[in-house]
Amino acid sequence: MNKSLAPTALMLGNFVTGVAVLSPTGMLDDLSRALGVSVYQAGLLITFGAVLLCIGSPLMIWATSRVGRRVLLAGSMAGVAVCHVAALIAPDYAALLTLRLVMLAFLVVFTPVAAGTVSMIVPEASRASSITYVFLGWSLALVAGIPLVTYMTAHFGWREALLGIGIMAAIAALLIALCLPRGLVGAPVELRTWAALGRNRLVLLLLLITTLHLAGQFCTFPYLGPLLARLTQASSTTIGFTFLIFGACGFVGNLVAMRLVGRVGPFRTSLIFLGAMLSGSLVWVIGVDAAALPLLLTASVLWGLGFAAINSMQQTRLIGAAPAFASAAVALNTSMVYVGQAVGSAIGGKFFEQQLFHANGYASAAFVLLAITVAFFTRPAPAVA
């Protein structure tokens, strides 16, 4: 198969990654009822998974740095497929949580290795746009994957929805095996790699931005369905439509970022989309106060426009800050993504459990505002004439 399709195969893998990581978001109420646990406990499928991904990403990147990219990425997707199929016979919450953690152990390498791999197979001039293209997979997971999971869960059941994810993972594994060049190996990751990244001020600040804006997002996002149901009595169809709007705007935001980054650079592009996220979180707070579905949908539009694009810009900026250690830098960023998810989902879950629905929105806004503040300390130095 034509190896020029390799970026598309990697993008599909990121789509599966996004759906697999976020799938509990689209089925929290159903999991709660079916497994006899609270919504908060069901949300811990995201929180515990995020903790594993946070710890596992740099460790697995170190352990697998000498493995061929083709074998590693295809194997990652194959493991995800097997675990999702096995979930069909999970008898209870503990078994499902265990299977999910095993699945995420396979998945942990995919996003950072995919970002490093695409930077190896495309010309430097098109690196930023190619990385953004690969990360469209996450946007598509939001625009199509999570709404589809929500729909399938409501009409067929959560086990059937997980089976669908497993089938998609198997297809991604096959395409990656067929499209990615043989013999592609990244630079070995050693202890001095982490030391070099730890001394890089820009890298550390970018990692902090990732943690903060993801914490802000996940104070609300995992509980979006239950929040809408309780605040506005939204049906499962309306909730699925909200996820669709969020994901569609994320996809559009990523496309805009691909065009914009070449004109104004990654730093200014990042600020634009962080601003969109902050606007969305503030509108969400107003919508919660009014219990107004139109305002909450507007918040989803603004939030969605910023969320996916800022993720892509963070990857692009990190690779630019440490090009010799691209996979390791992106692995650390992936860890910070999941630190943010764990912190945000834990805080948001506690607020939800105590029915402090306003607090979810305020916490989101506070974290994103902190991310914007830190971002100003990463602005590039003026060019010397």
Protein backbone atom coordinates (compact mmCIF):
# COMPACT_ATOMS: atom_id res chain seq x y z
CA MET A 1 0.00 0.00 0.00
CA ASN A 2 1.20 3.55 -0.74
CA LYS A 3 3.30 4.78 2.19
CA SER A 4 2.08 8.34 1.51
CA LEU A 5 -1.07 7.17 3.32
CA ALA A 6 0.95 6.66 6.51
CA PRO A 7 -0.11 10.02 8.06
CA THR A 8 -3.74 9.08 7.43
CA ALA A 9 -3.25 5.68 9.07
CA LEU A 10 -1.71 7.43 12.09
CA MET A 11 -4.59 9.90 12.15
CA LEU A 12 -7.03 6.97 12.25
CA GLY A 13 -5.03 5.49 15.12
CA ASN A 14 -5.38 8.76 17.02
CA PHE A 15 -9.11 8.65 16.31
CA VAL A 16 -9.32 5.23 17.95
CA THR A 17 -7.11 6.48 20.81
CA GLY A 18 -9.40 9.44 21.44
CA VAL A 19 -12.54 7.32 21.37
CA ALA A 20 -11.03 4.62 23.62
CA VAL A 21 -9.78 7.12 26.20
CA LEU A 22 -12.96 9.20 26.28
CA SER A 23 -15.60 6.49 25.69
CA PRO A 24 -16.83 6.39 29.33
CA THR A 25 -17.88 10.03 28.86
CA GLY A 26 -20.63 8.94 26.49
CA MET A 27 -21.96 6.17 28.72
CA LEU A 28 -21.60 7.28 32.36
CA ASP A 29 -25.29 7.05 33.26
CA ASP A 30 -25.66 3.68 31.51
CA LEU A 31 -22.55 2.24 33.17
CA SER A 32 -23.78 3.52 36.53
CA ARG A 33 -27.12 1.75 36.14
CA ALA A 34 -25.81 -1.46 34.58
CA LEU A 35 -22.94 -2.00 37.02
CA GLY A 36 -24.70 -0.77 40.15
CA VAL A 37 -22.23 2.06 40.89
CA SER A 38 -22.59 5.83 41.24
CA VAL A 39 -21.89 8.24 38.38
CA TYR A 40 -18.84 9.39 40.34
CA GLN A 41 -17.52 5.79 40.49
CA ALA A 42 -18.18 5.31 36.79
CA GLY A 43 -16.23 8.52 36.17
CA LEU A 44 -13.27 6.94 37.94
CA LEU A 45 -12.82 4.79 34.82
CA ILE A 46 -11.48 8.02 33.30
CA THR A 47 -9.60 9.18 36.40
CA PHE A 48 -7.78 5.89 37.13
CA GLY A 49 -7.05 5.44 33.44
CA ALA A 50 -5.57 8.93 33.29
CA VAL A 51 -3.28 8.13 36.24
CA LEU A 52 -2.01 5.00 34.48
CA LEU A 53 -1.46 6.86 31.22
CA CYS A 54 0.35 9.66 33.02
CA ILE A 55 2.84 7.30 34.67
CA GLY A 56 3.06 4.84 31.81
CA SER A 57 3.69 7.19 28.88
CA PRO A 58 7.32 8.17 29.61
CA LEU A 59 8.15 4.71 30.97
CA MET A 60 6.82 2.93 27.89
CA ILE A 61 8.49 5.41 25.54
CA TRP A 62 11.79 4.66 27.29
CA ALA A 63 11.20 0.90 27.22
CA THR A 64 10.16 0.76 23.56
CA SER A 65 12.38 3.44 22.01
CA ARG A 66 14.40 0.82 20.09
CA VAL A 67 11.33 -1.01 18.76
CA GLY A 68 10.38 -0.36 15.13
CA ARG A 69 7.62 2.24 14.84
CA ARG A 70 5.54 0.06 12.52
CA VAL A 71 5.53 -2.92 14.90
CA LEU A 72 4.97 -0.75 17.98
CA LEU A 73 2.07 1.30 16.63
CA ALA A 74 0.27 -1.61 14.94
CA GLY A 75 0.76 -3.73 18.08
CA SER A 76 -0.66 -0.95 20.24
CA MET A 77 -3.87 -0.86 18.20
CA ALA A 78 -4.11 -4.67 18.16
CA GLY A 79 -3.93 -4.76 21.97
CA VAL A 80 -6.68 -2.15 22.19
CA ALA A 81 -8.86 -4.28 19.90
CA VAL A 82 -8.42 -7.44 21.99
CA CYS A 83 -9.23 -5.69 25.28
CA HIS A 84 -12.41 -4.11 23.91
CA VAL A 85 -13.64 -7.43 22.59
CA ALA A 86 -12.87 -9.01 25.97
CA ALA A 87 -15.05 -6.36 27.65
CA LEU A 88 -18.07 -8.18 26.19
CA ILE A 89 -17.78 -10.75 28.99
CA ALA A 90 -16.73 -8.41 31.83
CA PRO A 91 -19.07 -9.47 34.69
CA ASP A 92 -18.80 -6.38 36.92
CA TYR A 93 -17.25 -2.96 37.51
CA ALA A 94 -13.96 -4.34 38.88
CA ALA A 95 -13.45 -6.55 35.81
CA LEU A 96 -14.25 -3.69 33.43
CA LEU A 97 -11.85 -1.37 35.25
CA THR A 98 -9.10 -4.00 35.07
CA LEU A 99 -9.65 -4.55 31.34
CA ARG A 100 -9.65 -0.81 30.76
CA LEU A 101 -6.32 -0.38 32.55
CA VAL A 102 -4.77 -3.23 30.52
CA MET A 103 -6.13 -1.65 27.33
CA LEU A 104 -4.65 1.72 28.26
CA ALA A 105 -1.27 0.07 28.90
CA PHE A 106 -1.28 -0.92 25.22
CA LEU A 107 -2.56 2.51 24.18
CA VAL A 108 -0.13 4.61 26.20
CA VAL A 109 2.57 4.74 23.53
CA PHE A 110 0.40 5.53 20.53
CA THR A 111 -0.05 9.31 20.58
CA PRO A 112 3.57 10.31 21.40
CA VAL A 113 5.07 7.74 19.04
CA ALA A 114 2.67 8.73 16.24
CA ALA A 115 3.67 12.40 16.62
CA GLY A 116 7.36 11.55 16.59
CA THR A 117 6.91 9.16 13.65
CA VAL A 118 5.10 11.59 11.38
CA SER A 119 7.87 14.15 12.02
CA MET A 120 10.33 11.54 10.70
CA ILE A 121 8.51 10.75 7.45
CA VAL A 122 7.55 14.22 6.18
CA PRO A 123 9.73 17.15 5.07
CA GLU A 124 10.58 19.67 7.80
CA ALA A 125 8.69 22.43 5.98
CA SER A 126 5.41 20.53 6.33
CA ARG A 127 6.06 19.13 9.82
CA ALA A 128 3.71 21.47 11.73
CA SER A 129 0.76 20.95 9.40
CA SER A 130 1.38 17.17 9.25
CA ILE A 131 1.40 16.86 13.04
CA THR A 132 -1.80 18.88 13.18
CA TYR A 133 -3.29 16.57 10.54
CA VAL A 134 -2.43 13.46 12.57
CA PHE A 135 -4.07 15.05 15.60
CA LEU A 136 -7.25 15.59 13.62
CA GLY A 137 -7.93 12.04 14.77
CA TRP A 138 -8.64 13.34 18.25
CA SER A 139 -10.98 15.96 16.79
CA LEU A 140 -12.78 13.30 14.78
CA ALA A 141 -13.10 11.23 17.95
CA LEU A 142 -15.01 14.12 19.45
CA VAL A 143 -17.03 15.01 16.35
CA ALA A 144 -18.02 11.45 15.41
CA GLY A 145 -16.66 8.91 17.87
CA ILE A 146 -18.14 10.06 21.17
CA PRO A 147 -21.57 10.92 19.69
CA LEU A 148 -21.56 7.47 18.06
CA VAL A 149 -20.63 5.83 21.37
CA THR A 150 -23.44 7.77 23.08
CA TYR A 151 -25.95 6.70 20.41
CA MET A 152 -24.88 3.04 20.40
CA THR A 153 -24.94 2.89 24.20
CA ALA A 154 -28.46 4.36 24.34
CA HIS A 155 -29.89 2.13 21.58
CA PHE A 156 -27.85 -1.10 21.75
CA GLY A 157 -25.92 -1.15 25.04
CA TRP A 158 -22.51 -0.21 26.40
CA ARG A 159 -20.95 -3.60 25.62
CA GLU A 160 -21.91 -3.27 21.96
CA ALA A 161 -20.43 0.23 21.89
CA LEU A 162 -17.13 -1.12 23.26
CA LEU A 163 -17.17 -3.89 20.64
CA GLY A 164 -17.48 -1.22 17.94
CA ILE A 165 -14.36 0.49 19.29
CA GLY A 166 -12.53 -2.84 19.21
CA ILE A 167 -13.40 -3.34 15.54
CA MET A 168 -12.14 0.15 14.67
CA ALA A 169 -8.89 -0.55 16.53
CA ALA A 170 -8.36 -3.75 14.52
CA ILE A 171 -8.85 -1.82 11.26
CA ALA A 172 -6.36 0.84 12.40
CA ALA A 173 -3.78 -1.85 13.29
CA LEU A 174 -4.07 -3.35 9.81
CA LEU A 175 -3.74 0.00 8.00
CA ILE A 176 -0.71 1.02 10.05
CA ALA A 177 0.98 -2.32 9.34
CA LEU A 178 0.35 -1.86 5.61
CA CYS A 179 1.18 1.86 5.27
CA LEU A 180 4.05 2.64 7.62
CA PRO A 181 7.57 2.13 6.20
CA ARG A 182 9.61 -0.81 7.51
CA GLY A 183 12.73 -0.26 9.61
CA LEU A 184 11.64 3.10 11.02
CA VAL A 185 13.20 3.57 14.47
CA GLY A 186 13.38 6.76 16.52
CA ALA A 187 16.35 8.05 18.50
CA PRO A 188 16.96 5.91 21.63
CA VAL A 189 15.47 7.43 24.78
CA GLU A 190 17.93 7.36 27.69
CA LEU A 191 18.15 8.96 31.12
CA ARG A 192 20.05 11.90 29.66
CA THR A 193 17.09 12.50 27.34
CA TRP A 194 14.83 13.21 30.31
CA ALA A 195 17.56 15.28 31.96
CA ALA A 196 17.93 17.43 28.83
CA LEU A 197 14.18 18.00 28.65
CA GLY A 198 14.08 18.84 32.36
CA ARG A 199 16.61 21.63 31.79
CA ASN A 200 14.61 23.10 28.92
CA ARG A 201 12.56 26.00 30.37
CA LEU A 202 10.27 26.26 27.35
CA VAL A 203 9.46 22.54 27.46
CA LEU A 204 8.58 22.74 31.17
CA LEU A 205 6.29 25.73 30.67
CA LEU A 206 4.55 24.06 27.74
CA LEU A 207 3.96 20.95 29.85
CA LEU A 208 2.42 23.13 32.57
CA ILE A 209 0.06 24.72 30.02
CA THR A 210 -1.05 21.26 28.91
CA THR A 211 -1.79 20.22 32.49
CA LEU A 212 -3.76 23.36 33.29
CA HIS A 213 -5.96 23.56 30.21
CA LEU A 214 -6.77 19.81 30.33
CA ALA A 215 -7.66 20.08 34.02
CA GLY A 216 -10.01 22.92 33.10
CA GLN A 217 -11.58 20.89 30.31
CA PHE A 218 -12.09 17.77 32.40
CA CYS A 219 -13.67 19.52 35.36
CA THR A 220 -16.76 19.52 33.13
CA PHE A 221 -16.35 17.40 29.99
CA PRO A 222 -16.63 13.86 31.47
CA TYR A 223 -19.85 14.87 33.23
CA LEU A 224 -21.33 16.76 30.30
CA GLY A 225 -24.11 14.21 29.72
CA PRO A 226 -25.22 13.86 33.35
CA LEU A 227 -24.97 17.64 33.85
CA LEU A 228 -27.18 18.35 30.85
CA ALA A 229 -29.68 15.71 31.98
CA ARG A 230 -29.94 17.18 35.46
CA LEU A 231 -29.82 20.87 34.57
CA THR A 232 -32.04 20.88 31.48
CA GLN A 233 -33.66 17.41 31.45
CA ALA A 234 -31.89 16.78 28.15
CA SER A 235 -32.63 13.45 26.44
CA SER A 236 -29.94 11.02 25.27
CA THR A 237 -30.48 12.34 21.74
CA THR A 238 -29.86 15.92 22.87
CA ILE A 239 -26.78 14.86 24.80
CA GLY A 240 -25.43 13.03 21.75
CA PHE A 241 -26.14 16.13 19.65
CA THR A 242 -24.18 18.24 22.15
CA PHE A 243 -21.19 15.93 21.86
CA LEU A 244 -21.57 16.16 18.07
CA ILE A 245 -21.49 19.98 18.21
CA PHE A 246 -18.48 19.93 20.50
CA GLY A 247 -16.60 17.51 18.26
CA ALA A 248 -17.56 19.25 15.01
CA CYS A 249 -16.26 22.54 16.36
CA GLY A 250 -13.09 20.80 17.47
CA PHE A 251 -12.62 19.48 13.94
CA VAL A 252 -13.22 22.95 12.47
CA GLY A 253 -10.86 24.48 15.03
CA ASN A 254 -8.11 22.07 14.04
CA LEU A 255 -8.59 22.84 10.35
CA VAL A 256 -8.41 26.57 11.08
CA ALA A 257 -5.28 26.01 13.17
CA MET A 258 -3.64 24.16 10.26
CA ARG A 259 -4.15 27.23 8.08
CA LEU A 260 -3.40 29.78 10.77
CA VAL A 261 -0.19 28.31 12.19
CA GLY A 262 1.75 28.94 8.98
CA ARG A 263 0.78 32.63 9.02
CA VAL A 264 0.98 33.71 12.66
CA GLY A 265 3.03 30.90 14.21
CA PRO A 266 2.23 28.31 16.90
CA PHE A 267 2.43 30.76 19.84
CA ARG A 268 -0.20 33.21 18.60
CA THR A 269 -2.35 30.37 17.30
CA SER A 270 -2.24 28.80 20.79
CA LEU A 271 -3.36 32.04 22.43
CA ILE A 272 -6.30 32.37 20.03
CA PHE A 273 -7.63 28.92 20.84
CA LEU A 274 -6.95 29.15 24.58
CA GLY A 275 -9.05 32.32 24.44
CA ALA A 276 -11.84 30.36 22.76
CA MET A 277 -11.71 27.78 25.56
CA LEU A 278 -11.87 30.48 28.23
CA SER A 279 -14.86 32.09 26.50
CA GLY A 280 -16.61 28.74 26.39
CA SER A 281 -16.04 28.06 30.08
CA LEU A 282 -17.42 31.49 31.03
CA VAL A 283 -20.51 31.01 28.86
CA TRP A 284 -20.97 27.59 30.47
CA VAL A 285 -21.06 29.23 33.92
CA ILE A 286 -23.76 31.64 32.71
CA GLY A 287 -25.70 28.78 31.12
CA VAL A 288 -25.62 26.75 34.35
CA ASP A 289 -26.94 29.76 36.30
CA ALA A 290 -29.83 30.09 33.85
CA ALA A 291 -30.24 26.32 33.29
CA ALA A 292 -30.47 27.34 29.62
CA LEU A 293 -29.70 24.69 27.02
CA PRO A 294 -28.99 27.23 24.21
CA LEU A 295 -26.28 28.88 26.33
CA LEU A 296 -24.76 25.51 27.20
CA LEU A 297 -24.71 24.59 23.50
CA THR A 298 -23.01 27.92 22.73
CA ALA A 299 -20.42 27.12 25.37
CA SER A 300 -19.82 23.75 23.69
CA VAL A 301 -19.19 25.53 20.37
CA LEU A 302 -16.56 27.85 21.85
CA TRP A 303 -14.98 25.15 23.96
CA GLY A 304 -14.83 22.75 21.05
CA LEU A 305 -13.19 25.29 18.75
CA GLY A 306 -10.34 25.69 21.21
CA PHE A 307 -9.91 22.25 22.74
CA ALA A 308 -8.61 20.17 19.82
CA ALA A 309 -6.60 22.97 18.23
CA ILE A 310 -4.66 23.81 21.38
CA ASN A 311 -3.71 20.14 21.76
CA SER A 312 -2.24 20.14 18.26
CA MET A 313 -0.39 23.40 18.88
CA GLN A 314 1.11 22.05 22.09
CA GLN A 315 2.52 19.03 20.21
CA THR A 316 3.89 21.27 17.48
CA ARG A 317 5.53 23.68 19.93
CA LEU A 318 7.09 20.88 21.97
CA ILE A 319 8.62 19.22 18.92
CA GLY A 320 9.96 22.62 17.86
CA ALA A 321 11.39 23.22 21.35
CA ALA A 322 13.26 19.89 21.41
CA PRO A 323 13.38 18.38 17.90
CA ALA A 324 16.11 15.89 18.81
CA PHE A 325 13.89 14.39 21.51
CA ALA A 326 10.51 14.64 19.78
CA SER A 327 9.00 11.34 20.97
CA ALA A 328 10.19 11.84 24.54
CA ALA A 329 8.89 15.43 24.67
CA VAL A 330 5.51 14.38 23.29
CA ALA A 331 5.45 11.44 25.74
CA LEU A 332 5.91 13.87 28.63
CA ASN A 333 3.18 16.03 27.15
CA THR A 334 0.92 12.99 26.94
CA SER A 335 1.61 12.35 30.62
CA MET A 336 0.63 15.93 31.40
CA VAL A 337 -2.53 15.49 29.32
CA TYR A 338 -3.52 12.65 31.60
CA VAL A 339 -2.42 14.47 34.75
CA GLY A 340 -4.79 17.24 33.70
CA GLN A 341 -7.53 14.71 32.94
CA ALA A 342 -7.06 12.99 36.31
CA VAL A 343 -7.04 16.25 38.28
CA GLY A 344 -9.96 17.75 36.39
CA SER A 345 -12.16 14.64 36.39
CA ALA A 346 -11.50 14.04 40.10
CA ILE A 347 -12.39 17.64 41.01
CA GLY A 348 -15.36 17.69 38.67
CA GLY A 349 -16.59 14.35 39.99
CA LYS A 350 -16.52 15.57 43.57
CA PHE A 351 -18.44 18.72 42.63
CA PHE A 352 -20.98 16.64 40.72
CA GLU A 353 -21.39 14.17 43.60
CA GLN A 354 -22.13 17.09 45.95
CA GLN A 355 -24.46 18.67 43.33
CA LEU A 356 -22.29 21.80 43.14
CA PHE A 357 -22.93 22.08 39.40
CA HIS A 358 -21.88 25.75 39.26
CA ALA A 359 -18.49 24.86 40.70
CA ASN A 360 -17.63 22.65 37.70
CA GLY A 361 -17.79 25.69 35.40
CA TYR A 362 -15.93 28.02 37.74
CA ALA A 363 -13.11 25.51 38.21
CA SER A 364 -12.84 25.06 34.44
CA ALA A 365 -12.56 28.80 33.87
CA ALA A 366 -9.93 29.18 36.59
CA PHE A 367 -7.68 26.45 35.18
CA VAL A 368 -7.89 27.78 31.59
CA LEU A 369 -7.14 31.32 32.78
CA LEU A 370 -4.03 30.01 34.53
CA ALA A 371 -2.99 28.25 31.30
CA ILE A 372 -3.28 31.53 29.37
CA THR A 373 -1.20 33.32 32.01
CA VAL A 374 1.58 30.74 31.74
CA ALA A 375 1.40 30.87 27.92
CA PHE A 376 2.54 34.51 27.92
CA PHE A 377 5.84 33.36 29.43
CA THR A 378 6.45 31.13 26.39
CA ARG A 379 6.29 33.84 23.74
CA PRO A 380 9.16 33.62 21.24
CA ALA A 381 12.00 36.09 21.50
CA PRO A 382 11.82 38.92 18.91
CA ALA A 383 13.72 38.14 15.73
CA VAL A 384 17.09 39.86 15.49
CA ALA A 385 17.24 42.21 12.52
